[in-house]
Every structure is written in structure tokens, then in C-alpha cells.
Amino acid sequence: MNKENQSMDKDQLCKKIQEIYPDIGECGIDVDVAFDETNNRWRVGLKRGSKSLSTFLEPGDAKLCMSGQQCVSLGLEIRQLKDNI
């Protein structure tokens, strides 16, 4: 993991996602976040029952959201996953 991504914690990113979408984790939708070294991106997966979907977030987008500057990209990606699961 490069230096930019070392400062980001997957648990913090998970909490931010749950902050934006409080029903994730509460109503049978599980969230999983991991940094994918091969793609140099954050992989966010949602699972409900036997269905699961995942997406990749650019490290810069995740960092902007975590710093409270802009969560549009993160929010749109998670919303699409949530709507399709």
C-alpha cells in the first residue's frame, strides 16, 4: 500500500459509509471494505442474503470524503450498489 493509502483505515471508511447510509449494517446489508493492491483502489462490497456486489473507489475520492470535503463519488457508488442488491 502506498503512503497515501497507509493513512486511511478501512474501519474508518466503513464507518463513513455507514454514516452516509445508516441502514447499511442495520437492515441486513453487510459492508466490507479492503484496499486492493492490484488495482490500487478501495474495494467496497455490499451483501444482502446470498446477493453481493462490489465496486472500486479511487483513493483520492475516498480521502476527500474522509476529510469531510466531498463525498459525492463515494455516495453515488454506494447508492448504486445498495439499489442493486
PDB file of N, CA and C in Angstrom:
ATOM      1  N   MET A   1       0.853  -1.178   0.000  1.00  0.00           N
ATOM      2  CA  MET A   1       0.000   0.000   0.000  1.00  0.00           C
ATOM      3  C   MET A   1       0.891   1.232   0.000  1.00  0.00           C
ATOM      4  N   ASN A   2       0.604   2.185  -0.873  1.00  0.00           N
ATOM      5  CA  ASN A   2       1.444   3.371  -0.924  1.00  0.00           C
ATOM      6  C   ASN A   2       1.150   4.300   0.252  1.00  0.00           C
ATOM      7  N   LYS A   3       1.989   5.340   0.428  1.00  0.00           N
ATOM      8  CA  LYS A   3       1.881   6.221   1.595  1.00  0.00           C
ATOM      9  C   LYS A   3       0.526   6.906   1.697  1.00  0.00           C
ATOM     10  N   GLU A   4      -0.041   7.308   0.553  1.00  0.00           N
ATOM     11  CA  GLU A   4      -1.342   7.996   0.572  1.00  0.00           C
ATOM     12  C   GLU A   4      -2.408   7.102   1.179  1.00  0.00           C
ATOM     13  N   ASN A   5      -2.359   5.821   0.883  1.00  0.00           N
ATOM     14  CA  ASN A   5      -3.391   4.915   1.361  1.00  0.00           C
ATOM     15  C   ASN A   5      -3.085   4.348   2.734  1.00  0.00           C
ATOM     16  N   GLN A   6      -1.822   4.456   3.199  1.00  0.00           N
ATOM     17  CA  GLN A   6      -1.474   3.968   4.517  1.00  0.00           C
ATOM     18  C   GLN A   6      -2.182   4.769   5.598  1.00  0.00           C
ATOM     19  N   SER A   7      -2.430   6.044   5.334  1.00  0.00           N
ATOM     20  CA  SER A   7      -3.051   6.892   6.346  1.00  0.00           C
ATOM     21  C   SER A   7      -4.553   6.628   6.473  1.00  0.00           C
ATOM     22  N   MET A   8      -5.128   5.924   5.535  1.00  0.00           N
ATOM     23  CA  MET A   8      -6.554   5.638   5.568  1.00  0.00           C
ATOM     24  C   MET A   8      -6.777   4.256   6.173  1.00  0.00           C
ATOM     25  N   ASP A   9      -7.723   4.185   7.052  1.00  0.00           N
ATOM     26  CA  ASP A   9      -8.041   2.952   7.744  1.00  0.00           C
ATOM     27  C   ASP A   9      -9.349   2.397   7.194  1.00  0.00           C
ATOM     28  N   LYS A  10      -9.376   1.099   6.884  1.00  0.00           N
ATOM     29  CA  LYS A  10     -10.590   0.518   6.296  1.00  0.00           C
ATOM     30  C   LYS A  10     -11.775   0.615   7.235  1.00  0.00           C
ATOM     31  N   ASP A  11     -11.539   0.526   8.553  1.00  0.00           N
ATOM     32  CA  ASP A  11     -12.640   0.648   9.508  1.00  0.00           C
ATOM     33  C   ASP A  11     -13.229   2.052   9.497  1.00  0.00           C
ATOM     34  N   GLN A  12     -12.369   3.058   9.333  1.00  0.00           N
ATOM     35  CA  GLN A  12     -12.848   4.440   9.243  1.00  0.00           C
ATOM     36  C   GLN A  12     -13.693   4.639   7.990  1.00  0.00           C
ATOM     37  N   LEU A  13     -13.256   4.043   6.884  1.00  0.00           N
ATOM     38  CA  LEU A  13     -14.008   4.157   5.636  1.00  0.00           C
ATOM     39  C   LEU A  13     -15.354   3.442   5.772  1.00  0.00           C
ATOM     40  N   CYS A  14     -15.368   2.292   6.417  1.00  0.00           N
ATOM     41  CA  CYS A  14     -16.621   1.570   6.678  1.00  0.00           C
ATOM     42  C   CYS A  14     -17.582   2.438   7.497  1.00  0.00           C
ATOM     43  N   LYS A  15     -17.060   3.055   8.537  1.00  0.00           N
ATOM     44  CA  LYS A  15     -17.889   3.902   9.399  1.00  0.00           C
ATOM     45  C   LYS A  15     -18.447   5.090   8.625  1.00  0.00           C
ATOM     46  N   LYS A  16     -17.627   5.644   7.717  1.00  0.00           N
ATOM     47  CA  LYS A  16     -18.084   6.775   6.909  1.00  0.00           C
ATOM     48  C   LYS A  16     -19.237   6.340   5.994  1.00  0.00           C
ATOM     49  N   ILE A  17     -19.117   5.163   5.398  1.00  0.00           N
ATOM     50  CA  ILE A  17     -20.186   4.634   4.544  1.00  0.00           C
ATOM     51  C   ILE A  17     -21.457   4.455   5.364  1.00  0.00           C
ATOM     52  N   GLN A  18     -21.325   3.921   6.572  1.00  0.00           N
ATOM     53  CA  GLN A  18     -22.493   3.723   7.427  1.00  0.00           C
ATOM     54  C   GLN A  18     -23.065   5.047   7.916  1.00  0.00           C
ATOM     55  N   GLU A  19     -22.219   6.063   8.010  1.00  0.00           N
ATOM     56  CA  GLU A  19     -22.677   7.404   8.366  1.00  0.00           C
ATOM     57  C   GLU A  19     -23.529   7.988   7.241  1.00  0.00           C
ATOM     58  N   ILE A  20     -23.090   7.790   5.999  1.00  0.00           N
ATOM     59  CA  ILE A  20     -23.822   8.300   4.843  1.00  0.00           C
ATOM     60  C   ILE A  20     -25.112   7.513   4.631  1.00  0.00           C
ATOM     61  N   TYR A  21     -25.036   6.190   4.802  1.00  0.00           N
ATOM     62  CA  TYR A  21     -26.191   5.308   4.630  1.00  0.00           C
ATOM     63  C   TYR A  21     -26.383   4.490   5.900  1.00  0.00           C
ATOM     64  N   PRO A  22     -27.091   5.058   6.895  1.00  0.00           N
ATOM     65  CA  PRO A  22     -27.240   4.398   8.194  1.00  0.00           C
ATOM     66  C   PRO A  22     -27.918   3.026   8.137  1.00  0.00           C
ATOM     67  N   ASP A  23     -28.695   2.748   7.096  1.00  0.00           N
ATOM     68  CA  ASP A  23     -29.372   1.457   7.024  1.00  0.00           C
ATOM     69  C   ASP A  23     -28.437   0.325   6.603  1.00  0.00           C
ATOM     70  N   ILE A  24     -27.240   0.658   6.114  1.00  0.00           N
ATOM     71  CA  ILE A  24     -26.267  -0.382   5.789  1.00  0.00           C
ATOM     72  C   ILE A  24     -25.723  -0.913   7.105  1.00  0.00           C
ATOM     73  N   GLY A  25     -25.819  -2.205   7.278  1.00  0.00           N
ATOM     74  CA  GLY A  25     -25.415  -2.825   8.526  1.00  0.00           C
ATOM     75  C   GLY A  25     -26.571  -2.966   9.498  1.00  0.00           C
ATOM     76  N   GLU A  26     -27.607  -2.178   9.310  1.00  0.00           N
ATOM     77  CA  GLU A  26     -28.754  -2.203  10.201  1.00  0.00           C
ATOM     78  C   GLU A  26     -29.889  -3.076   9.685  1.00  0.00           C
ATOM     79  N   CYS A  27     -30.068  -3.147   8.377  1.00  0.00           N
ATOM     80  CA  CYS A  27     -31.248  -3.848   7.857  1.00  0.00           C
ATOM     81  C   CYS A  27     -30.836  -5.013   6.950  1.00  0.00           C
ATOM     82  N   GLY A  28     -29.844  -5.760   7.380  1.00  0.00           N
ATOM     83  CA  GLY A  28     -29.463  -6.945   6.622  1.00  0.00           C
ATOM     84  C   GLY A  28     -28.506  -6.700   5.481  1.00  0.00           C
ATOM     85  N   ILE A  29     -27.962  -5.512   5.379  1.00  0.00           N
ATOM     86  CA  ILE A  29     -26.971  -5.224   4.347  1.00  0.00           C
ATOM     87  C   ILE A  29     -25.614  -5.117   5.034  1.00  0.00           C
ATOM     88  N   ASP A  30     -24.722  -6.028   4.701  1.00  0.00           N
ATOM     89  CA  ASP A  30     -23.373  -6.015   5.269  1.00  0.00           C
ATOM     90  C   ASP A  30     -22.430  -5.279   4.331  1.00  0.00           C
ATOM     91  N   VAL A  31     -21.483  -4.566   4.903  1.00  0.00           N
ATOM     92  CA  VAL A  31     -20.496  -3.834   4.115  1.00  0.00           C
ATOM     93  C   VAL A  31     -19.102  -4.360   4.446  1.00  0.00           C
ATOM     94  N   ASP A  32     -18.268  -4.448   3.420  1.00  0.00           N
ATOM     95  CA  ASP A  32     -16.894  -4.883   3.592  1.00  0.00           C
ATOM     96  C   ASP A  32     -16.008  -3.956   2.770  1.00  0.00           C
ATOM     97  N   VAL A  33     -14.936  -3.480   3.371  1.00  0.00           N
ATOM     98  CA  VAL A  33     -14.010  -2.575   2.703  1.00  0.00           C
ATOM     99  C   VAL A  33     -12.602  -3.145   2.795  1.00  0.00           C
ATOM    100  N   ALA A  34     -11.889  -3.138   1.689  1.00  0.00           N
ATOM    101  CA  ALA A  34     -10.498  -3.597   1.678  1.00  0.00           C
ATOM    102  C   ALA A  34      -9.745  -2.850   0.588  1.00  0.00           C
ATOM    103  N   PHE A  35      -8.462  -2.608   0.827  1.00  0.00           N
ATOM    104  CA  PHE A  35      -7.655  -1.985  -0.214  1.00  0.00           C
ATOM    105  C   PHE A  35      -7.146  -3.064  -1.143  1.00  0.00           C
ATOM    106  N   ASP A  36      -7.391  -2.897  -2.429  1.00  0.00           N
ATOM    107  CA  ASP A  36      -6.964  -3.852  -3.451  1.00  0.00           C
ATOM    108  C   ASP A  36      -5.637  -3.371  -4.030  1.00  0.00           C
ATOM    109  N   GLU A  37      -4.553  -4.019  -3.620  1.00  0.00           N
ATOM    110  CA  GLU A  37      -3.207  -3.634  -4.061  1.00  0.00           C
ATOM    111  C   GLU A  37      -3.049  -3.735  -5.578  1.00  0.00           C
ATOM    112  N   THR A  38      -3.664  -4.753  -6.174  1.00  0.00           N
ATOM    113  CA  THR A  38      -3.535  -4.967  -7.616  1.00  0.00           C
ATOM    114  C   THR A  38      -4.098  -3.796  -8.413  1.00  0.00           C
ATOM    115  N   ASN A  39      -5.254  -3.292  -7.992  1.00  0.00           N
ATOM    116  CA  ASN A  39      -5.911  -2.186  -8.690  1.00  0.00           C
ATOM    117  C   ASN A  39      -5.591  -0.821  -8.095  1.00  0.00           C
ATOM    118  N   ASN A  40      -4.898  -0.810  -6.957  1.00  0.00           N
ATOM    119  CA  ASN A  40      -4.576   0.426  -6.245  1.00  0.00           C
ATOM    120  C   ASN A  40      -5.829   1.258  -5.976  1.00  0.00           C
ATOM    121  N   ARG A  41      -6.877   0.563  -5.539  1.00  0.00           N
ATOM    122  CA  ARG A  41      -8.165   1.205  -5.232  1.00  0.00           C
ATOM    123  C   ARG A  41      -8.782   0.513  -4.032  1.00  0.00           C
ATOM    124  N   TRP A  42      -9.730   1.205  -3.407  1.00  0.00           N
ATOM    125  CA  TRP A  42     -10.514   0.609  -2.326  1.00  0.00           C
ATOM    126  C   TRP A  42     -11.659  -0.189  -2.938  1.00  0.00           C
ATOM    127  N   ARG A  43     -11.826  -1.425  -2.489  1.00  0.00           N
ATOM    128  CA  ARG A  43     -12.952  -2.253  -2.916  1.00  0.00           C
ATOM    129  C   ARG A  43     -13.993  -2.211  -1.818  1.00  0.00           C
ATOM    130  N   VAL A  44     -15.203  -1.833  -2.191  1.00  0.00           N
ATOM    131  CA  VAL A  44     -16.319  -1.792  -1.249  1.00  0.00           C
ATOM    132  C   VAL A  44     -17.329  -2.823  -1.709  1.00  0.00           C
ATOM    133  N   GLY A  45     -17.673  -3.735  -0.829  1.00  0.00           N
ATOM    134  CA  GLY A  45     -18.643  -4.772  -1.149  1.00  0.00           C
ATOM    135  C   GLY A  45     -19.843  -4.687  -0.239  1.00  0.00           C
ATOM    136  N   LEU A  46     -21.015  -4.894  -0.798  1.00  0.00           N
ATOM    137  CA  LEU A  46     -22.250  -4.975  -0.020  1.00  0.00           C
ATOM    138  C   LEU A  46     -22.840  -6.356  -0.222  1.00  0.00           C
ATOM    139  N   LYS A  47     -23.406  -6.892   0.832  1.00  0.00           N
ATOM    140  CA  LYS A  47     -24.015  -8.216   0.756  1.00  0.00           C
ATOM    141  C   LYS A  47     -25.343  -8.199   1.503  1.00  0.00           C
ATOM    142  N   ARG A  48     -26.356  -8.776   0.858  1.00  0.00           N
ATOM    143  CA  ARG A  48     -27.656  -8.962   1.493  1.00  0.00           C
ATOM    144  C   ARG A  48     -28.096 -10.370   1.152  1.00  0.00           C
ATOM    145  N   GLY A  49     -28.214 -11.215   2.154  1.00  0.00           N
ATOM    146  CA  GLY A  49     -28.561 -12.611   1.914  1.00  0.00           C
ATOM    147  C   GLY A  49     -27.504 -13.259   1.050  1.00  0.00           C
ATOM    148  N   SER A  50     -27.933 -13.870  -0.057  1.00  0.00           N
ATOM    149  CA  SER A  50     -26.982 -14.545  -0.943  1.00  0.00           C
ATOM    150  C   SER A  50     -26.466 -13.633  -2.063  1.00  0.00           C
ATOM    151  N   LYS A  51     -26.972 -12.399  -2.147  1.00  0.00           N
ATOM    152  CA  LYS A  51     -26.544 -11.470  -3.191  1.00  0.00           C
ATOM    153  C   LYS A  51     -25.400 -10.596  -2.689  1.00  0.00           C
ATOM    154  N   SER A  52     -24.403 -10.402  -3.534  1.00  0.00           N
ATOM    155  CA  SER A  52     -23.319  -9.484  -3.183  1.00  0.00           C
ATOM    156  C   SER A  52     -22.839  -8.754  -4.428  1.00  0.00           C
ATOM    157  N   LEU A  53     -22.459  -7.513  -4.236  1.00  0.00           N
ATOM    158  CA  LEU A  53     -21.926  -6.672  -5.303  1.00  0.00           C
ATOM    159  C   LEU A  53     -20.766  -5.876  -4.731  1.00  0.00           C
ATOM    160  N   SER A  54     -19.843  -5.489  -5.594  1.00  0.00           N
ATOM    161  CA  SER A  54     -18.746  -4.652  -5.120  1.00  0.00           C
ATOM    162  C   SER A  54     -18.392  -3.610  -6.170  1.00  0.00           C
ATOM    163  N   THR A  55     -17.710  -2.590  -5.724  1.00  0.00           N
ATOM    164  CA  THR A  55     -17.248  -1.513  -6.590  1.00  0.00           C
ATOM    165  C   THR A  55     -15.877  -1.069  -6.109  1.00  0.00           C
ATOM    166  N   PHE A  56     -15.190  -0.317  -6.930  1.00  0.00           N
ATOM    167  CA  PHE A  56     -13.887   0.217  -6.563  1.00  0.00           C
ATOM    168  C   PHE A  56     -13.977   1.723  -6.424  1.00  0.00           C
ATOM    169  N   LEU A  57     -13.313   2.252  -5.412  1.00  0.00           N
ATOM    170  CA  LEU A  57     -13.244   3.690  -5.190  1.00  0.00           C
ATOM    171  C   LEU A  57     -11.812   4.152  -5.377  1.00  0.00           C
ATOM    172  N   GLU A  58     -11.650   5.250  -6.060  1.00  0.00           N
ATOM    173  CA  GLU A  58     -10.329   5.841  -6.217  1.00  0.00           C
ATOM    174  C   GLU A  58      -9.839   6.315  -4.853  1.00  0.00           C
ATOM    175  N   PRO A  59      -8.582   6.088  -4.539  1.00  0.00           N
ATOM    176  CA  PRO A  59      -8.060   6.528  -3.238  1.00  0.00           C
ATOM    177  C   PRO A  59      -8.279   8.021  -2.981  1.00  0.00           C
ATOM    178  N   GLY A  60      -8.141   8.842  -4.017  1.00  0.00           N
ATOM    179  CA  GLY A  60      -8.345  10.279  -3.851  1.00  0.00           C
ATOM    180  C   GLY A  60      -9.776  10.624  -3.468  1.00  0.00           C
ATOM    181  N   ASP A  61     -10.755   9.936  -4.068  1.00  0.00           N
ATOM    182  CA  ASP A  61     -12.160  10.168  -3.733  1.00  0.00           C
ATOM    183  C   ASP A  61     -12.448   9.761  -2.295  1.00  0.00           C
ATOM    184  N   ALA A  62     -11.899   8.618  -1.889  1.00  0.00           N
ATOM    185  CA  ALA A  62     -12.097   8.147  -0.513  1.00  0.00           C
ATOM    186  C   ALA A  62     -11.457   9.127   0.471  1.00  0.00           C
ATOM    187  N   LYS A  63     -10.275   9.615   0.140  1.00  0.00           N
ATOM    188  CA  LYS A  63      -9.565  10.552   1.012  1.00  0.00           C
ATOM    189  C   LYS A  63     -10.341  11.865   1.159  1.00  0.00           C
ATOM    190  N   LEU A  64     -10.869  12.401   0.048  1.00  0.00           N
ATOM    191  CA  LEU A  64     -11.667  13.633   0.109  1.00  0.00           C
ATOM    192  C   LEU A  64     -12.880  13.458   1.018  1.00  0.00           C
ATOM    193  N   CYS A  65     -13.534  12.330   0.898  1.00  0.00           N
ATOM    194  CA  CYS A  65     -14.721  12.079   1.715  1.00  0.00           C
ATOM    195  C   CYS A  65     -14.343  11.959   3.192  1.00  0.00           C
ATOM    196  N   MET A  66     -13.280  11.229   3.464  1.00  0.00           N
ATOM    197  CA  MET A  66     -12.864  11.031   4.849  1.00  0.00           C
ATOM    198  C   MET A  66     -12.459  12.351   5.508  1.00  0.00           C
ATOM    199  N   SER A  67     -11.951  13.288   4.731  1.00  0.00           N
ATOM    200  CA  SER A  67     -11.546  14.575   5.291  1.00  0.00           C
ATOM    201  C   SER A  67     -12.720  15.552   5.381  1.00  0.00           C
ATOM    202  N   GLY A  68     -13.915  15.099   4.980  1.00  0.00           N
ATOM    203  CA  GLY A  68     -15.110  15.927   5.077  1.00  0.00           C
ATOM    204  C   GLY A  68     -15.267  16.933   3.962  1.00  0.00           C
ATOM    205  N   GLN A  69     -14.477  16.796   2.902  1.00  0.00           N
ATOM    206  CA  GLN A  69     -14.528  17.765   1.816  1.00  0.00           C
ATOM    207  C   GLN A  69     -15.593  17.456   0.773  1.00  0.00           C
ATOM    208  N   GLN A  70     -15.675  16.192   0.346  1.00  0.00           N
ATOM    209  CA  GLN A  70     -16.613  15.842  -0.715  1.00  0.00           C
ATOM    210  C   GLN A  70     -16.854  14.344  -0.709  1.00  0.00           C
ATOM    211  N   CYS A  71     -18.124  13.945  -0.596  1.00  0.00           N
ATOM    212  CA  CYS A  71     -18.465  12.523  -0.578  1.00  0.00           C
ATOM    213  C   CYS A  71     -19.362  12.127  -1.747  1.00  0.00           C
ATOM    214  N   VAL A  72     -19.413  12.955  -2.775  1.00  0.00           N
ATOM    215  CA  VAL A  72     -20.312  12.693  -3.898  1.00  0.00           C
ATOM    216  C   VAL A  72     -19.982  11.369  -4.579  1.00  0.00           C
ATOM    217  N   SER A  73     -18.724  11.155  -4.951  1.00  0.00           N
ATOM    218  CA  SER A  73     -18.348   9.917  -5.647  1.00  0.00           C
ATOM    219  C   SER A  73     -18.624   8.702  -4.786  1.00  0.00           C
ATOM    220  N   LEU A  74     -18.200   8.760  -3.534  1.00  0.00           N
ATOM    221  CA  LEU A  74     -18.432   7.648  -2.616  1.00  0.00           C
ATOM    222  C   LEU A  74     -19.922   7.386  -2.457  1.00  0.00           C
ATOM    223  N   GLY A  75     -20.687   8.448  -2.245  1.00  0.00           N
ATOM    224  CA  GLY A  75     -22.126   8.314  -2.063  1.00  0.00           C
ATOM    225  C   GLY A  75     -22.822   7.726  -3.280  1.00  0.00           C
ATOM    226  N   LEU A  76     -22.443   8.174  -4.472  1.00  0.00           N
ATOM    227  CA  LEU A  76     -23.063   7.652  -5.694  1.00  0.00           C
ATOM    228  C   LEU A  76     -22.757   6.173  -5.898  1.00  0.00           C
ATOM    229  N   GLU A  77     -21.499   5.793  -5.684  1.00  0.00           N
ATOM    230  CA  GLU A  77     -21.113   4.393  -5.856  1.00  0.00           C
ATOM    231  C   GLU A  77     -21.856   3.489  -4.882  1.00  0.00           C
ATOM    232  N   ILE A  78     -21.916   3.888  -3.629  1.00  0.00           N
ATOM    233  CA  ILE A  78     -22.587   3.079  -2.608  1.00  0.00           C
ATOM    234  C   ILE A  78     -24.086   3.026  -2.884  1.00  0.00           C
ATOM    235  N   ARG A  79     -24.654   4.135  -3.288  1.00  0.00           N
ATOM    236  CA  ARG A  79     -26.093   4.178  -3.598  1.00  0.00           C
ATOM    237  C   ARG A  79     -26.435   3.200  -4.733  1.00  0.00           C
ATOM    238  N   GLN A  80     -25.600   3.182  -5.779  1.00  0.00           N
ATOM    239  CA  GLN A  80     -25.835   2.261  -6.888  1.00  0.00           C
ATOM    240  C   GLN A  80     -25.768   0.807  -6.419  1.00  0.00           C
ATOM    241  N   LEU A  81     -24.764   0.513  -5.608  1.00  0.00           N
ATOM    242  CA  LEU A  81     -24.663  -0.856  -5.082  1.00  0.00           C
ATOM    243  C   LEU A  81     -25.895  -1.202  -4.258  1.00  0.00           C
ATOM    244  N   LYS A  82     -26.232  -0.292  -3.351  1.00  0.00           N
ATOM    245  CA  LYS A  82     -27.369  -0.521  -2.444  1.00  0.00           C
ATOM    246  C   LYS A  82     -28.669  -0.729  -3.218  1.00  0.00           C
ATOM    247  N   ASP A  83     -28.878   0.056  -4.260  1.00  0.00           N
ATOM    248  CA  ASP A  83     -30.100  -0.063  -5.055  1.00  0.00           C
ATOM    249  C   ASP A  83     -30.166  -1.364  -5.852  1.00  0.00           C
ATOM    250  N   ASN A  84     -29.012  -1.941  -6.156  1.00  0.00           N
ATOM    251  CA  ASN A  84     -28.984  -3.142  -6.989  1.00  0.00           C
ATOM    252  C   ASN A  84     -28.816  -4.451  -6.212  1.00  0.00           C
ATOM    253  N   ILE A  85     -28.740  -4.348  -4.922  1.00  0.00           N
ATOM    254  CA  ILE A  85     -28.532  -5.572  -4.151  1.00  0.00           C
ATOM    255  C   ILE A  85     -29.805  -6.101  -3.517  1.00  0.00           C
TER     256      ILE A  85
END
